Amino acid sequence: MTKLNISMPQELLDEIDAEASALGLTRSGLIQEASARYVTQARSDREAEVRRLRIEASARRMREVGQKLGLTGADPVALVAESRAARESRRG
């Protein structure tokens, strides 16, 4: 296992030590666990943002295609959402 030196405010270190003690962990154990959780959450947040942006871009393209096809009375994105909802309701 690799060792490292870090700097942090004494107040934060005191809080880390108190929380580690309450959880029955060492200082290193708590920092390892907190770091792992942070990295996992940050990665998940980035992936969710990428998915959101892709969905928005896809919806924009669908609307553009709908306009080119003259589907002015129907929103292609809404049609897909309705289709998915109907399919889900049939599944139970």
Protein backbone atom coordinates (compact mmCIF):
# COMPACT_ATOMS: atom_id res chain seq x y z
CA MET A 1 0.00 0.00 0.00
CA THR A 2 1.28 3.45 -0.88
CA LYS A 3 1.73 6.11 1.79
CA LEU A 4 1.21 9.80 1.17
CA ASN A 5 1.48 13.07 3.00
CA ILE A 6 -1.34 15.57 2.78
CA SER A 7 -2.08 18.91 4.39
CA MET A 8 -5.47 19.87 5.81
CA PRO A 9 -6.88 22.22 8.40
CA GLN A 10 -6.56 20.95 11.97
CA GLU A 11 -10.32 21.29 12.49
CA LEU A 12 -11.02 18.90 9.62
CA LEU A 13 -8.47 16.42 10.93
CA ASP A 14 -10.15 16.59 14.35
CA GLU A 15 -13.51 15.82 12.73
CA ILE A 16 -12.02 12.94 10.76
CA ASP A 17 -10.47 11.48 13.90
CA ALA A 18 -13.74 11.82 15.85
CA GLU A 19 -15.77 10.19 13.07
CA ALA A 20 -13.22 7.41 12.59
CA SER A 21 -13.33 6.69 16.32
CA ALA A 22 -17.15 6.64 16.32
CA LEU A 23 -17.14 4.18 13.42
CA GLY A 24 -14.37 2.01 14.83
CA LEU A 25 -12.04 2.87 11.98
CA THR A 26 -8.54 4.18 11.81
CA ARG A 27 -7.91 7.63 10.38
CA SER A 28 -6.46 6.00 7.26
CA GLY A 29 -9.42 3.65 6.98
CA LEU A 30 -11.91 6.50 7.14
CA ILE A 31 -9.99 8.57 4.58
CA GLN A 32 -9.71 5.55 2.26
CA GLU A 33 -13.45 4.85 2.53
CA ALA A 34 -14.40 8.50 2.07
CA SER A 35 -12.08 8.84 -0.92
CA ALA A 36 -13.45 5.68 -2.57
CA ARG A 37 -17.04 6.90 -2.09
CA TYR A 38 -16.18 10.33 -3.46
CA VAL A 39 -14.48 8.92 -6.56
CA THR A 40 -17.39 6.54 -7.21
CA GLN A 41 -19.95 9.35 -6.84
CA ALA A 42 -17.95 11.78 -8.99
CA ARG A 43 -17.68 9.17 -11.75
CA SER A 44 -21.39 8.41 -11.52
CA ASP A 45 -22.24 12.12 -11.68
CA ARG A 46 -20.08 12.58 -14.79
CA GLU A 47 -21.65 9.57 -16.50
CA ALA A 48 -25.15 10.85 -15.68
CA GLU A 49 -24.29 14.25 -17.14
CA VAL A 50 -22.96 12.65 -20.33
CA ARG A 51 -26.20 10.61 -20.63
CA ARG A 52 -28.29 13.74 -20.04
CA LEU A 53 -26.42 15.68 -22.72
CA ARG A 54 -26.75 12.80 -25.20
CA ILE A 55 -30.48 12.54 -24.54
CA GLU A 56 -30.89 16.29 -25.05
CA ALA A 57 -28.92 16.17 -28.31
CA SER A 58 -30.96 13.19 -29.52
CA ALA A 59 -34.23 14.94 -28.66
CA ARG A 60 -33.07 18.04 -30.51
CA ARG A 61 -32.21 15.96 -33.60
CA MET A 62 -35.55 14.15 -33.42
CA ARG A 63 -37.40 17.46 -33.36
CA GLU A 64 -35.35 18.71 -36.32
CA VAL A 65 -36.17 15.58 -38.32
CA GLY A 66 -39.82 15.93 -37.36
CA GLN A 67 -39.86 19.48 -38.66
CA LYS A 68 -38.18 18.43 -41.92
CA LEU A 69 -40.82 15.72 -42.35
CA GLY A 70 -43.58 18.24 -41.72
CA LEU A 71 -44.71 16.75 -38.41
CA THR A 72 -45.68 20.13 -37.02
CA GLY A 73 -48.59 18.81 -34.95
CA ALA A 74 -46.65 16.07 -33.21
CA ASP A 75 -43.57 16.22 -31.02
CA PRO A 76 -41.38 13.20 -31.88
CA VAL A 77 -39.88 13.21 -28.38
CA ALA A 78 -43.34 13.09 -26.83
CA LEU A 79 -44.33 10.28 -29.20
CA VAL A 80 -41.32 8.20 -28.12
CA ALA A 81 -42.09 8.90 -24.45
CA GLU A 82 -45.72 7.84 -24.95
CA SER A 83 -44.62 4.68 -26.75
CA ARG A 84 -42.22 3.78 -23.95
CA ALA A 85 -44.85 4.44 -21.28
CA ALA A 86 -47.37 2.23 -23.11
CA ARG A 87 -44.79 -0.55 -23.45
CA GLU A 88 -43.95 -0.31 -19.73
CA SER A 89 -47.61 -0.44 -18.72
CA ARG A 90 -48.11 -3.61 -20.78
CA ARG A 91 -45.19 -5.26 -18.98
CA GLY A 92 -46.92 -4.77 -15.70
